[in-house]
mmCIF file of all heavy atoms, coordinates in Angstrom:
data_MODEL
# 
_entry.id   MODEL 
# 
loop_
_atom_site.group_PDB 
_atom_site.id 
_atom_site.type_symbol 
_atom_site.label_atom_id 
_atom_site.label_alt_id 
_atom_site.label_comp_id 
_atom_site.label_asym_id 
_atom_site.label_entity_id 
_atom_site.label_seq_id 
_atom_site.pdbx_PDB_ins_code 
_atom_site.Cartn_x 
_atom_site.Cartn_y 
_atom_site.Cartn_z 
_atom_site.occupancy 
_atom_site.B_iso_or_equiv 
_atom_site.pdbx_formal_charge 
_atom_site.auth_seq_id 
_atom_site.auth_comp_id 
_atom_site.auth_asym_id 
_atom_site.auth_atom_id 
_atom_site.pdbx_PDB_model_num 
ATOM 1   N N   . VAL A 1 1  ? 20.812 -11.049 -20.942 1.00 0.00 ? 1  VAL A N   1 
ATOM 2   C CA  . VAL A 1 1  ? 20.454 -10.255 -22.119 1.00 0.00 ? 1  VAL A CA  1 
ATOM 3   C C   . VAL A 1 1  ? 21.359 -10.703 -23.262 1.00 0.00 ? 1  VAL A C   1 
ATOM 4   O O   . VAL A 1 1  ? 20.930 -10.903 -24.391 1.00 0.00 ? 1  VAL A O   1 
ATOM 5   C CB  . VAL A 1 1  ? 20.701 -8.738  -21.869 1.00 0.00 ? 1  VAL A CB  1 
ATOM 6   C CG1 . VAL A 1 1  ? 20.206 -7.907  -23.050 1.00 0.00 ? 1  VAL A CG1 1 
ATOM 7   C CG2 . VAL A 1 1  ? 20.051 -8.276  -20.594 1.00 0.00 ? 1  VAL A CG2 1 
ATOM 8   N N   . GLU A 1 2  ? 22.643 -10.788 -22.957 1.00 0.00 ? 2  GLU A N   1 
ATOM 9   C CA  . GLU A 1 2  ? 23.663 -11.328 -23.872 1.00 0.00 ? 2  GLU A CA  1 
ATOM 10  C C   . GLU A 1 2  ? 24.399 -12.384 -23.070 1.00 0.00 ? 2  GLU A C   1 
ATOM 11  O O   . GLU A 1 2  ? 24.237 -12.460 -21.850 1.00 0.00 ? 2  GLU A O   1 
ATOM 12  C CB  . GLU A 1 2  ? 24.671 -10.225 -24.272 1.00 0.00 ? 2  GLU A CB  1 
ATOM 13  C CG  . GLU A 1 2  ? 24.076 -8.921  -24.743 1.00 0.00 ? 2  GLU A CG  1 
ATOM 14  C CD  . GLU A 1 2  ? 23.616 -8.986  -26.177 1.00 0.00 ? 2  GLU A CD  1 
ATOM 15  O OE1 . GLU A 1 2  ? 23.954 -9.992  -26.847 1.00 0.00 ? 2  GLU A OE1 1 
ATOM 16  O OE2 . GLU A 1 2  ? 22.914 -8.070  -26.627 1.00 0.00 ? 2  GLU A OE2 1 
ATOM 17  N N   . GLU A 1 3  ? 25.263 -13.125 -23.748 1.00 0.00 ? 3  GLU A N   1 
ATOM 18  C CA  . GLU A 1 3  ? 26.025 -14.150 -23.023 1.00 0.00 ? 3  GLU A CA  1 
ATOM 19  C C   . GLU A 1 3  ? 26.868 -13.549 -21.913 1.00 0.00 ? 3  GLU A C   1 
ATOM 20  O O   . GLU A 1 3  ? 27.140 -14.191 -20.905 1.00 0.00 ? 3  GLU A O   1 
ATOM 21  C CB  . GLU A 1 3  ? 26.933 -14.916 -23.993 1.00 0.00 ? 3  GLU A CB  1 
ATOM 22  C CG  . GLU A 1 3  ? 26.214 -16.084 -24.646 1.00 0.00 ? 3  GLU A CG  1 
ATOM 23  C CD  . GLU A 1 3  ? 27.124 -16.869 -25.570 1.00 0.00 ? 3  GLU A CD  1 
ATOM 24  O OE1 . GLU A 1 3  ? 28.329 -16.974 -25.264 1.00 0.00 ? 3  GLU A OE1 1 
ATOM 25  O OE2 . GLU A 1 3  ? 26.629 -17.353 -26.598 1.00 0.00 ? 3  GLU A OE2 1 
ATOM 26  N N   . ASN A 1 4  ? 27.299 -12.298 -22.109 1.00 0.00 ? 4  ASN A N   1 
ATOM 27  C CA  . ASN A 1 4  ? 28.178 -11.682 -21.106 1.00 0.00 ? 4  ASN A CA  1 
ATOM 28  C C   . ASN A 1 4  ? 27.489 -10.568 -20.312 1.00 0.00 ? 4  ASN A C   1 
ATOM 29  O O   . ASN A 1 4  ? 28.147 -9.707  -19.752 1.00 0.00 ? 4  ASN A O   1 
ATOM 30  C CB  . ASN A 1 4  ? 29.452 -11.136 -21.769 1.00 0.00 ? 4  ASN A CB  1 
ATOM 31  C CG  . ASN A 1 4  ? 29.163 -9.967  -22.706 1.00 0.00 ? 4  ASN A CG  1 
ATOM 32  O OD1 . ASN A 1 4  ? 28.078 -9.880  -23.273 1.00 0.00 ? 4  ASN A OD1 1 
ATOM 33  N ND2 . ASN A 1 4  ? 30.111 -9.077  -22.860 1.00 0.00 ? 4  ASN A ND2 1 
ATOM 34  N N   . LEU A 1 5  ? 26.133 -10.579 -20.294 1.00 0.00 ? 5  LEU A N   1 
ATOM 35  C CA  . LEU A 1 5  ? 25.410 -9.560  -19.532 1.00 0.00 ? 5  LEU A CA  1 
ATOM 36  C C   . LEU A 1 5  ? 24.212 -10.192 -18.819 1.00 0.00 ? 5  LEU A C   1 
ATOM 37  O O   . LEU A 1 5  ? 23.197 -10.516 -19.434 1.00 0.00 ? 5  LEU A O   1 
ATOM 38  C CB  . LEU A 1 5  ? 24.951 -8.420  -20.476 1.00 0.00 ? 5  LEU A CB  1 
ATOM 39  C CG  . LEU A 1 5  ? 24.074 -7.320  -19.888 1.00 0.00 ? 5  LEU A CG  1 
ATOM 40  C CD1 . LEU A 1 5  ? 24.662 -6.730  -18.625 1.00 0.00 ? 5  LEU A CD1 1 
ATOM 41  C CD2 . LEU A 1 5  ? 23.825 -6.213  -20.916 1.00 0.00 ? 5  LEU A CD2 1 
ATOM 42  N N   . GLY A 1 6  ? 24.364 -10.389 -17.492 1.00 0.00 ? 6  GLY A N   1 
ATOM 43  C CA  . GLY A 1 6  ? 23.305 -11.006 -16.686 1.00 0.00 ? 6  GLY A CA  1 
ATOM 44  C C   . GLY A 1 6  ? 22.620 -9.972  -15.810 1.00 0.00 ? 6  GLY A C   1 
ATOM 45  O O   . GLY A 1 6  ? 23.237 -8.995  -15.376 1.00 0.00 ? 6  GLY A O   1 
ATOM 46  N N   . VAL A 1 7  ? 21.325 -10.179 -15.546 1.00 0.00 ? 7  VAL A N   1 
ATOM 47  C CA  . VAL A 1 7  ? 20.526 -9.202  -14.785 1.00 0.00 ? 7  VAL A CA  1 
ATOM 48  C C   . VAL A 1 7  ? 19.768 -9.910  -13.674 1.00 0.00 ? 7  VAL A C   1 
ATOM 49  O O   . VAL A 1 7  ? 19.271 -11.027 -13.860 1.00 0.00 ? 7  VAL A O   1 
ATOM 50  C CB  . VAL A 1 7  ? 19.507 -8.488  -15.721 1.00 0.00 ? 7  VAL A CB  1 
ATOM 51  C CG1 . VAL A 1 7  ? 18.663 -7.481  -14.962 1.00 0.00 ? 7  VAL A CG1 1 
ATOM 52  C CG2 . VAL A 1 7  ? 20.221 -7.806  -16.885 1.00 0.00 ? 7  VAL A CG2 1 
ATOM 53  N N   . MET A 1 8  ? 19.664 -9.245  -12.510 1.00 0.00 ? 8  MET A N   1 
ATOM 54  C CA  . MET A 1 8  ? 18.804 -9.747  -11.435 1.00 0.00 ? 8  MET A CA  1 
ATOM 55  C C   . MET A 1 8  ? 17.996 -8.583  -10.875 1.00 0.00 ? 8  MET A C   1 
ATOM 56  O O   . MET A 1 8  ? 18.543 -7.492  -10.644 1.00 0.00 ? 8  MET A O   1 
ATOM 57  C CB  . MET A 1 8  ? 19.661 -10.379 -10.328 1.00 0.00 ? 8  MET A CB  1 
ATOM 58  C CG  . MET A 1 8  ? 18.859 -10.960 -9.189  1.00 0.00 ? 8  MET A CG  1 
ATOM 59  S SD  . MET A 1 8  ? 17.580 -12.136 -9.692  1.00 0.00 ? 8  MET A SD  1 
ATOM 60  C CE  . MET A 1 8  ? 18.543 -13.554 -10.117 1.00 0.00 ? 8  MET A CE  1 
ATOM 61  N N   . SER A 1 9  ? 16.698 -8.811  -10.661 1.00 0.00 ? 9  SER A N   1 
ATOM 62  C CA  . SER A 1 9  ? 15.809 -7.753  -10.173 1.00 0.00 ? 9  SER A CA  1 
ATOM 63  C C   . SER A 1 9  ? 14.614 -8.371  -9.457  1.00 0.00 ? 9  SER A C   1 
ATOM 64  O O   . SER A 1 9  ? 14.197 -9.489  -9.789  1.00 0.00 ? 9  SER A O   1 
ATOM 65  C CB  . SER A 1 9  ? 15.305 -6.925  -11.367 1.00 0.00 ? 9  SER A CB  1 
ATOM 66  O OG  . SER A 1 9  ? 14.225 -6.105  -10.982 1.00 0.00 ? 9  SER A OG  1 
ATOM 67  N N   . VAL A 1 10 ? 14.040 -7.637  -8.505  1.00 0.00 ? 10 VAL A N   1 
ATOM 68  C CA  . VAL A 1 10 ? 12.821 -8.104  -7.847  1.00 0.00 ? 10 VAL A CA  1 
ATOM 69  C C   . VAL A 1 10 ? 11.691 -8.190  -8.871  1.00 0.00 ? 10 VAL A C   1 
ATOM 70  O O   . VAL A 1 10 ? 10.729 -8.943  -8.695  1.00 0.00 ? 10 VAL A O   1 
ATOM 71  C CB  . VAL A 1 10 ? 12.435 -7.188  -6.652  1.00 0.00 ? 10 VAL A CB  1 
ATOM 72  C CG1 . VAL A 1 10 ? 11.941 -5.838  -7.126  1.00 0.00 ? 10 VAL A CG1 1 
ATOM 73  C CG2 . VAL A 1 10 ? 11.375 -7.831  -5.769  1.00 0.00 ? 10 VAL A CG2 1 
ATOM 74  N N   . GLY A 1 11 ? 11.822 -7.436  -9.978  1.00 0.00 ? 11 GLY A N   1 
ATOM 75  C CA  . GLY A 1 11 ? 10.814 -7.474  -11.041 1.00 0.00 ? 11 GLY A CA  1 
ATOM 76  C C   . GLY A 1 11 ? 10.590 -8.884  -11.588 1.00 0.00 ? 11 GLY A C   1 
ATOM 77  O O   . GLY A 1 11 ? 9.484  -9.217  -12.029 1.00 0.00 ? 11 GLY A O   1 
ATOM 78  N N   . PHE A 1 12 ? 11.621 -9.734  -11.528 1.00 0.00 ? 12 PHE A N   1 
ATOM 79  C CA  . PHE A 1 12 ? 11.490 -11.110 -12.029 1.00 0.00 ? 12 PHE A CA  1 
ATOM 80  C C   . PHE A 1 12 ? 10.714 -11.999 -11.055 1.00 0.00 ? 12 PHE A C   1 
ATOM 81  O O   . PHE A 1 12 ? 10.338 -13.112 -11.389 1.00 0.00 ? 12 PHE A O   1 
ATOM 82  C CB  . PHE A 1 12 ? 12.870 -11.747 -12.259 1.00 0.00 ? 12 PHE A CB  1 
ATOM 83  C CG  . PHE A 1 12 ? 13.725 -11.017 -13.265 1.00 0.00 ? 12 PHE A CG  1 
ATOM 84  C CD1 . PHE A 1 12 ? 15.089 -10.865 -13.061 1.00 0.00 ? 12 PHE A CD1 1 
ATOM 85  C CD2 . PHE A 1 12 ? 13.171 -10.489 -14.425 1.00 0.00 ? 12 PHE A CD2 1 
ATOM 86  C CE1 . PHE A 1 12 ? 15.884 -10.203 -13.982 1.00 0.00 ? 12 PHE A CE1 1 
ATOM 87  C CE2 . PHE A 1 12 ? 13.951 -9.819  -15.352 1.00 0.00 ? 12 PHE A CE2 1 
ATOM 88  C CZ  . PHE A 1 12 ? 15.309 -9.676  -15.132 1.00 0.00 ? 12 PHE A CZ  1 
ATOM 89  N N   . LEU A 1 13 ? 10.529 -11.506 -9.826  1.00 0.00 ? 13 LEU A N   1 
ATOM 90  C CA  . LEU A 1 13 ? 9.866  -12.326 -8.803  1.00 0.00 ? 13 LEU A CA  1 
ATOM 91  C C   . LEU A 1 13 ? 8.385  -11.963 -8.666  1.00 0.00 ? 13 LEU A C   1 
ATOM 92  O O   . LEU A 1 13 ? 7.669  -12.571 -7.899  1.00 0.00 ? 13 LEU A O   1 
ATOM 93  C CB  . LEU A 1 13 ? 10.557 -12.135 -7.444  1.00 0.00 ? 13 LEU A CB  1 
ATOM 94  C CG  . LEU A 1 13 ? 12.073 -12.368 -7.425  1.00 0.00 ? 13 LEU A CG  1 
ATOM 95  C CD1 . LEU A 1 13 ? 12.641 -12.042 -6.047  1.00 0.00 ? 13 LEU A CD1 1 
ATOM 96  C CD2 . LEU A 1 13 ? 12.420 -13.789 -7.814  1.00 0.00 ? 13 LEU A CD2 1 
ATOM 97  N N   . LEU A 1 14 ? 7.935  -10.921 -9.408  1.00 0.00 ? 14 LEU A N   1 
ATOM 98  C CA  . LEU A 1 14 ? 6.530  -10.484 -9.301  1.00 0.00 ? 14 LEU A CA  1 
ATOM 99  C C   . LEU A 1 14 ? 5.681  -11.197 -10.346 1.00 0.00 ? 14 LEU A C   1 
ATOM 100 O O   . LEU A 1 14 ? 6.154  -11.483 -11.451 1.00 0.00 ? 14 LEU A O   1 
ATOM 101 C CB  . LEU A 1 14 ? 6.429  -8.962  -9.513  1.00 0.00 ? 14 LEU A CB  1 
ATOM 102 C CG  . LEU A 1 14 ? 7.290  -8.083  -8.596  1.00 0.00 ? 14 LEU A CG  1 
ATOM 103 C CD1 . LEU A 1 14 ? 7.159  -6.612  -8.994  1.00 0.00 ? 14 LEU A CD1 1 
ATOM 104 C CD2 . LEU A 1 14 ? 6.891  -8.267  -7.137  1.00 0.00 ? 14 LEU A CD2 1 
ATOM 105 N N   . SER A 1 15 ? 4.416  -11.457 -10.001 1.00 0.00 ? 15 SER A N   1 
ATOM 106 C CA  . SER A 1 15 ? 3.566  -12.168 -10.966 1.00 0.00 ? 15 SER A CA  1 
ATOM 107 C C   . SER A 1 15 ? 3.140  -11.253 -12.112 1.00 0.00 ? 15 SER A C   1 
ATOM 108 O O   . SER A 1 15 ? 2.808  -11.704 -13.199 1.00 0.00 ? 15 SER A O   1 
ATOM 109 C CB  . SER A 1 15 ? 2.344  -12.767 -10.269 1.00 0.00 ? 15 SER A CB  1 
ATOM 110 O OG  . SER A 1 15 ? 1.704  -11.765 -9.520  1.00 0.00 ? 15 SER A OG  1 
ATOM 111 N N   . SER A 1 16 ? 3.156  -9.905  -11.872 1.00 0.00 ? 16 SER A N   1 
ATOM 112 C CA  . SER A 1 16 ? 2.808  -8.959  -12.931 1.00 0.00 ? 16 SER A CA  1 
ATOM 113 C C   . SER A 1 16 ? 3.646  -7.702  -12.735 1.00 0.00 ? 16 SER A C   1 
ATOM 114 O O   . SER A 1 16 ? 3.926  -7.317  -11.597 1.00 0.00 ? 16 SER A O   1 
ATOM 115 C CB  . SER A 1 16 ? 1.318  -8.613  -12.839 1.00 0.00 ? 16 SER A CB  1 
ATOM 116 O OG  . SER A 1 16 ? 1.105  -7.262  -13.206 1.00 0.00 ? 16 SER A OG  1 
ATOM 117 N N   . PRO A 1 17 ? 4.052  -7.019  -13.847 1.00 0.00 ? 17 PRO A N   1 
ATOM 118 C CA  . PRO A 1 17 ? 4.845  -5.794  -13.690 1.00 0.00 ? 17 PRO A CA  1 
ATOM 119 C C   . PRO A 1 17 ? 4.093  -4.677  -12.958 1.00 0.00 ? 17 PRO A C   1 
ATOM 120 O O   . PRO A 1 17 ? 4.700  -3.724  -12.488 1.00 0.00 ? 17 PRO A O   1 
ATOM 121 C CB  . PRO A 1 17 ? 5.160  -5.364  -15.133 1.00 0.00 ? 17 PRO A CB  1 
ATOM 122 C CG  . PRO A 1 17 ? 4.477  -6.305  -16.042 1.00 0.00 ? 17 PRO A CG  1 
ATOM 123 C CD  . PRO A 1 17 ? 3.823  -7.390  -15.246 1.00 0.00 ? 17 PRO A CD  1 
ATOM 124 N N   . ASP A 1 18 ? 2.753  -4.814  -12.845 1.00 0.00 ? 18 ASP A N   1 
ATOM 125 C CA  . ASP A 1 18 ? 1.960  -3.786  -12.156 1.00 0.00 ? 18 ASP A CA  1 
ATOM 126 C C   . ASP A 1 18 ? 1.816  -4.062  -10.663 1.00 0.00 ? 18 ASP A C   1 
ATOM 127 O O   . ASP A 1 18 ? 1.209  -3.269  -9.934  1.00 0.00 ? 18 ASP A O   1 
ATOM 128 C CB  . ASP A 1 18 ? 0.560  -3.682  -12.779 1.00 0.00 ? 18 ASP A CB  1 
ATOM 129 C CG  . ASP A 1 18 ? 0.631  -3.255  -14.239 1.00 0.00 ? 18 ASP A CG  1 
ATOM 130 O OD1 . ASP A 1 18 ? 1.650  -2.644  -14.617 1.00 0.00 ? 18 ASP A OD1 1 
ATOM 131 O OD2 . ASP A 1 18 ? -0.322 -3.524  -14.990 1.00 0.00 ? 18 ASP A OD2 1 
ATOM 132 N N   . ASP A 1 19 ? 2.332  -5.208  -10.182 1.00 0.00 ? 19 ASP A N   1 
ATOM 133 C CA  . ASP A 1 19 ? 2.229  -5.532  -8.758  1.00 0.00 ? 19 ASP A CA  1 
ATOM 134 C C   . ASP A 1 19 ? 3.004  -4.526  -7.920  1.00 0.00 ? 19 ASP A C   1 
ATOM 135 O O   . ASP A 1 19 ? 4.147  -4.196  -8.252  1.00 0.00 ? 19 ASP A O   1 
ATOM 136 C CB  . ASP A 1 19 ? 2.813  -6.936  -8.470  1.00 0.00 ? 19 ASP A CB  1 
ATOM 137 C CG  . ASP A 1 19 ? 1.823  -8.036  -8.806  1.00 0.00 ? 19 ASP A CG  1 
ATOM 138 O OD1 . ASP A 1 19 ? 0.722  -7.697  -9.257  1.00 0.00 ? 19 ASP A OD1 1 
ATOM 139 O OD2 . ASP A 1 19 ? 2.156  -9.226  -8.624  1.00 0.00 ? 19 ASP A OD2 1 
ATOM 140 N N   . ALA A 1 20 ? 2.393  -4.058  -6.833  1.00 0.00 ? 20 ALA A N   1 
ATOM 141 C CA  . ALA A 1 20 ? 3.102  -3.147  -5.910  1.00 0.00 ? 20 ALA A CA  1 
ATOM 142 C C   . ALA A 1 20 ? 3.847  -3.982  -4.874  1.00 0.00 ? 20 ALA A C   1 
ATOM 143 O O   . ALA A 1 20 ? 3.324  -4.974  -4.367  1.00 0.00 ? 20 ALA A O   1 
ATOM 144 C CB  . ALA A 1 20 ? 2.095  -2.243  -5.216  1.00 0.00 ? 20 ALA A CB  1 
ATOM 145 N N   . VAL A 1 21 ? 5.083  -3.576  -4.579  1.00 0.00 ? 21 VAL A N   1 
ATOM 146 C CA  . VAL A 1 21 ? 5.857  -4.235  -3.517  1.00 0.00 ? 21 VAL A CA  1 
ATOM 147 C C   . VAL A 1 21 ? 5.670  -3.394  -2.258  1.00 0.00 ? 21 VAL A C   1 
ATOM 148 O O   . VAL A 1 21 ? 6.190  -2.286  -2.161  1.00 0.00 ? 21 VAL A O   1 
ATOM 149 C CB  . VAL A 1 21 ? 7.348  -4.335  -3.898  1.00 0.00 ? 21 VAL A CB  1 
ATOM 150 C CG1 . VAL A 1 21 ? 8.142  -4.990  -2.784  1.00 0.00 ? 21 VAL A CG1 1 
ATOM 151 C CG2 . VAL A 1 21 ? 7.514  -5.106  -5.202  1.00 0.00 ? 21 VAL A CG2 1 
ATOM 152 N N   . ILE A 1 22 ? 4.876  -3.908  -1.317  1.00 0.00 ? 22 ILE A N   1 
ATOM 153 C CA  . ILE A 1 22 ? 4.558  -3.136  -0.104  1.00 0.00 ? 22 ILE A CA  1 
ATOM 154 C C   . ILE A 1 22 ? 5.271  -3.827  1.061   1.00 0.00 ? 22 ILE A C   1 
ATOM 155 O O   . ILE A 1 22 ? 4.695  -4.685  1.729   1.00 0.00 ? 22 ILE A O   1 
ATOM 156 C CB  . ILE A 1 22 ? 3.030  -3.055  0.107   1.00 0.00 ? 22 ILE A CB  1 
ATOM 157 C CG1 . ILE A 1 22 ? 2.350  -2.547  -1.186  1.00 0.00 ? 22 ILE A CG1 1 
ATOM 158 C CG2 . ILE A 1 22 ? 2.688  -2.147  1.273   1.00 0.00 ? 22 ILE A CG2 1 
ATOM 159 C CD1 . ILE A 1 22 ? 0.848  -2.705  -1.216  1.00 0.00 ? 22 ILE A CD1 1 
ATOM 160 N N   . TRP A 1 23 ? 6.538  -3.464  1.233   1.00 0.00 ? 23 TRP A N   1 
ATOM 161 C CA  . TRP A 1 23 ? 7.368  -4.137  2.236   1.00 0.00 ? 23 TRP A CA  1 
ATOM 162 C C   . TRP A 1 23 ? 7.973  -3.130  3.199   1.00 0.00 ? 23 TRP A C   1 
ATOM 163 O O   . TRP A 1 23 ? 8.313  -2.017  2.815   1.00 0.00 ? 23 TRP A O   1 
ATOM 164 C CB  . TRP A 1 23 ? 8.535  -4.861  1.554   1.00 0.00 ? 23 TRP A CB  1 
ATOM 165 C CG  . TRP A 1 23 ? 8.164  -6.055  0.764   1.00 0.00 ? 23 TRP A CG  1 
ATOM 166 C CD1 . TRP A 1 23 ? 6.933  -6.609  0.626   1.00 0.00 ? 23 TRP A CD1 1 
ATOM 167 C CD2 . TRP A 1 23 ? 9.058  -6.856  -0.026  1.00 0.00 ? 23 TRP A CD2 1 
ATOM 168 N NE1 . TRP A 1 23 ? 6.999  -7.698  -0.211  1.00 0.00 ? 23 TRP A NE1 1 
ATOM 169 C CE2 . TRP A 1 23 ? 8.289  -7.873  -0.617  1.00 0.00 ? 23 TRP A CE2 1 
ATOM 170 C CE3 . TRP A 1 23 ? 10.414 -6.803  -0.283  1.00 0.00 ? 23 TRP A CE3 1 
ATOM 171 C CZ2 . TRP A 1 23 ? 8.844  -8.831  -1.447  1.00 0.00 ? 23 TRP A CZ2 1 
ATOM 172 C CZ3 . TRP A 1 23 ? 10.975 -7.754  -1.117  1.00 0.00 ? 23 TRP A CZ3 1 
ATOM 173 C CH2 . TRP A 1 23 ? 10.194 -8.771  -1.684  1.00 0.00 ? 23 TRP A CH2 1 
ATOM 174 N N   . ARG A 1 24 ? 8.151  -3.568  4.437   1.00 0.00 ? 24 ARG A N   1 
ATOM 175 C CA  . ARG A 1 24 ? 8.915  -2.765  5.400   1.00 0.00 ? 24 ARG A CA  1 
ATOM 176 C C   . ARG A 1 24 ? 10.410 -3.041  5.214   1.00 0.00 ? 24 ARG A C   1 
ATOM 177 O O   . ARG A 1 24 ? 10.804 -3.989  4.543   1.00 0.00 ? 24 ARG A O   1 
ATOM 178 C CB  . ARG A 1 24 ? 8.501  -3.121  6.826   1.00 0.00 ? 24 ARG A CB  1 
ATOM 179 C CG  . ARG A 1 24 ? 7.095  -2.667  7.164   1.00 0.00 ? 24 ARG A CG  1 
ATOM 180 C CD  . ARG A 1 24 ? 6.831  -2.852  8.649   1.00 0.00 ? 24 ARG A CD  1 
ATOM 181 N NE  . ARG A 1 24 ? 5.433  -2.584  8.966   1.00 0.00 ? 24 ARG A NE  1 
ATOM 182 C CZ  . ARG A 1 24 ? 4.940  -1.403  9.211   1.00 0.00 ? 24 ARG A CZ  1 
ATOM 183 N NH1 . ARG A 1 24 ? 5.721  -0.336  9.159   1.00 0.00 ? 24 ARG A NH1 1 
ATOM 184 N NH2 . ARG A 1 24 ? 3.662  -1.253  9.511   1.00 0.00 ? 24 ARG A NH2 1 
ATOM 185 N N   . GLY A 1 25 ? 11.204 -2.211  5.889   1.00 0.00 ? 25 GLY A N   1 
ATOM 186 C CA  . GLY A 1 25 ? 12.670 -2.282  5.746   1.00 0.00 ? 25 GLY A CA  1 
ATOM 187 C C   . GLY A 1 25 ? 13.286 -3.661  5.890   1.00 0.00 ? 25 GLY A C   1 
ATOM 188 O O   . GLY A 1 25 ? 14.033 -4.100  5.013   1.00 0.00 ? 25 GLY A O   1 
ATOM 189 N N   . PRO A 1 26 ? 12.998 -4.410  6.984   1.00 0.00 ? 26 PRO A N   1 
ATOM 190 C CA  . PRO A 1 26 ? 13.688 -5.690  7.185   1.00 0.00 ? 26 PRO A CA  1 
ATOM 191 C C   . PRO A 1 26 ? 13.500 -6.665  6.018   1.00 0.00 ? 26 PRO A C   1 
ATOM 192 O O   . PRO A 1 26 ? 14.416 -7.399  5.659   1.00 0.00 ? 26 PRO A O   1 
ATOM 193 C CB  . PRO A 1 26 ? 13.050 -6.245  8.467   1.00 0.00 ? 26 PRO A CB  1 
ATOM 194 C CG  . PRO A 1 26 ? 12.570 -5.032  9.193   1.00 0.00 ? 26 PRO A CG  1 
ATOM 195 C CD  . PRO A 1 26 ? 12.161 -4.055  8.137   1.00 0.00 ? 26 PRO A CD  1 
ATOM 196 N N   . LYS A 1 27 ? 12.297 -6.642  5.405   1.00 0.00 ? 27 LYS A N   1 
ATOM 197 C CA  . LYS A 1 27 ? 12.050 -7.570  4.295   1.00 0.00 ? 27 LYS A CA  1 
ATOM 198 C C   . LYS A 1 27 ? 12.864 -7.159  3.067   1.00 0.00 ? 27 LYS A C   1 
ATOM 199 O O   . LYS A 1 27 ? 13.402 -7.994  2.344   1.00 0.00 ? 27 LYS A O   1 
ATOM 200 C CB  . LYS A 1 27 ? 10.554 -7.619  3.974   1.00 0.00 ? 27 LYS A CB  1 
ATOM 201 C CG  . LYS A 1 27 ? 10.206 -8.843  3.134   1.00 0.00 ? 27 LYS A CG  1 
ATOM 202 C CD  . LYS A 1 27 ? 8.732  -9.127  3.070   1.00 0.00 ? 27 LYS A CD  1 
ATOM 203 C CE  . LYS A 1 27 ? 8.494  -10.342 2.197   1.00 0.00 ? 27 LYS A CE  1 
ATOM 204 N NZ  . LYS A 1 27 ? 7.094  -10.537 1.856   1.00 0.00 ? 27 LYS A NZ  1 
ATOM 205 N N   . LYS A 1 28 ? 12.959 -5.830  2.843   1.00 0.00 ? 28 LYS A N   1 
ATOM 206 C CA  . LYS A 1 28 ? 13.782 -5.344  1.732   1.00 0.00 ? 28 LYS A CA  1 
ATOM 207 C C   . LYS A 1 28 ? 15.241 -5.736  1.946   1.00 0.00 ? 28 LYS A C   1 
ATOM 208 O O   . LYS A 1 28 ? 15.916 -6.223  1.035   1.00 0.00 ? 28 LYS A O   1 
ATOM 209 C CB  . LYS A 1 28 ? 13.703 -3.808  1.646   1.00 0.00 ? 28 LYS A CB  1 
ATOM 210 C CG  . LYS A 1 28 ? 12.377 -3.250  1.185   1.00 0.00 ? 28 LYS A CG  1 
ATOM 211 C CD  . LYS A 1 28 ? 12.504 -1.743  1.143   1.00 0.00 ? 28 LYS A CD  1 
ATOM 212 C CE  . LYS A 1 28 ? 11.199 -1.061  0.816   1.00 0.00 ? 28 LYS A CE  1 
ATOM 213 N NZ  . LYS A 1 28 ? 11.317 0.387   0.879   1.00 0.00 ? 28 LYS A NZ  1 
ATOM 214 N N   . ASN A 1 29 ? 15.726 -5.509  3.168   1.00 0.00 ? 29 ASN A N   1 
ATOM 215 C CA  . ASN A 1 29 ? 17.120 -5.841  3.473   1.00 0.00 ? 29 ASN A CA  1 
ATOM 216 C C   . ASN A 1 29 ? 17.393 -7.323  3.276   1.00 0.00 ? 29 ASN A C   1 
ATOM 217 O O   . ASN A 1 29 ? 18.454 -7.714  2.780   1.00 0.00 ? 29 ASN A O   1 
ATOM 218 C CB  . ASN A 1 29 ? 17.463 -5.458  4.924   1.00 0.00 ? 29 ASN A CB  1 
ATOM 219 C CG  . ASN A 1 29 ? 17.300 -3.965  5.153   1.00 0.00 ? 29 ASN A CG  1 
ATOM 220 O OD1 . ASN A 1 29 ? 17.194 -3.200  4.201   1.00 0.00 ? 29 ASN A OD1 1 
ATOM 221 N ND2 . ASN A 1 29 ? 17.269 -3.555  6.404   1.00 0.00 ? 29 ASN A ND2 1 
ATOM 222 N N   . GLY A 1 30 ? 16.405 -8.143  3.663   1.00 0.00 ? 30 GLY A N   1 
ATOM 223 C CA  . GLY A 1 30 ? 16.553 -9.597  3.508   1.00 0.00 ? 30 GLY A CA  1 
ATOM 224 C C   . GLY A 1 30 ? 16.704 -9.983  2.045   1.00 0.00 ? 30 GLY A C   1 
ATOM 225 O O   . GLY A 1 30 ? 17.520 -10.849 1.698   1.00 0.00 ? 30 GLY A O   1 
# 
């Protein structure tokens, strides 16, 4: 966002912000 503020989220890995993440526990933990 700024040079001194970095962000990581599963939201960056989805093809659309409306995509549902339908995962069981082990996949989330991974």
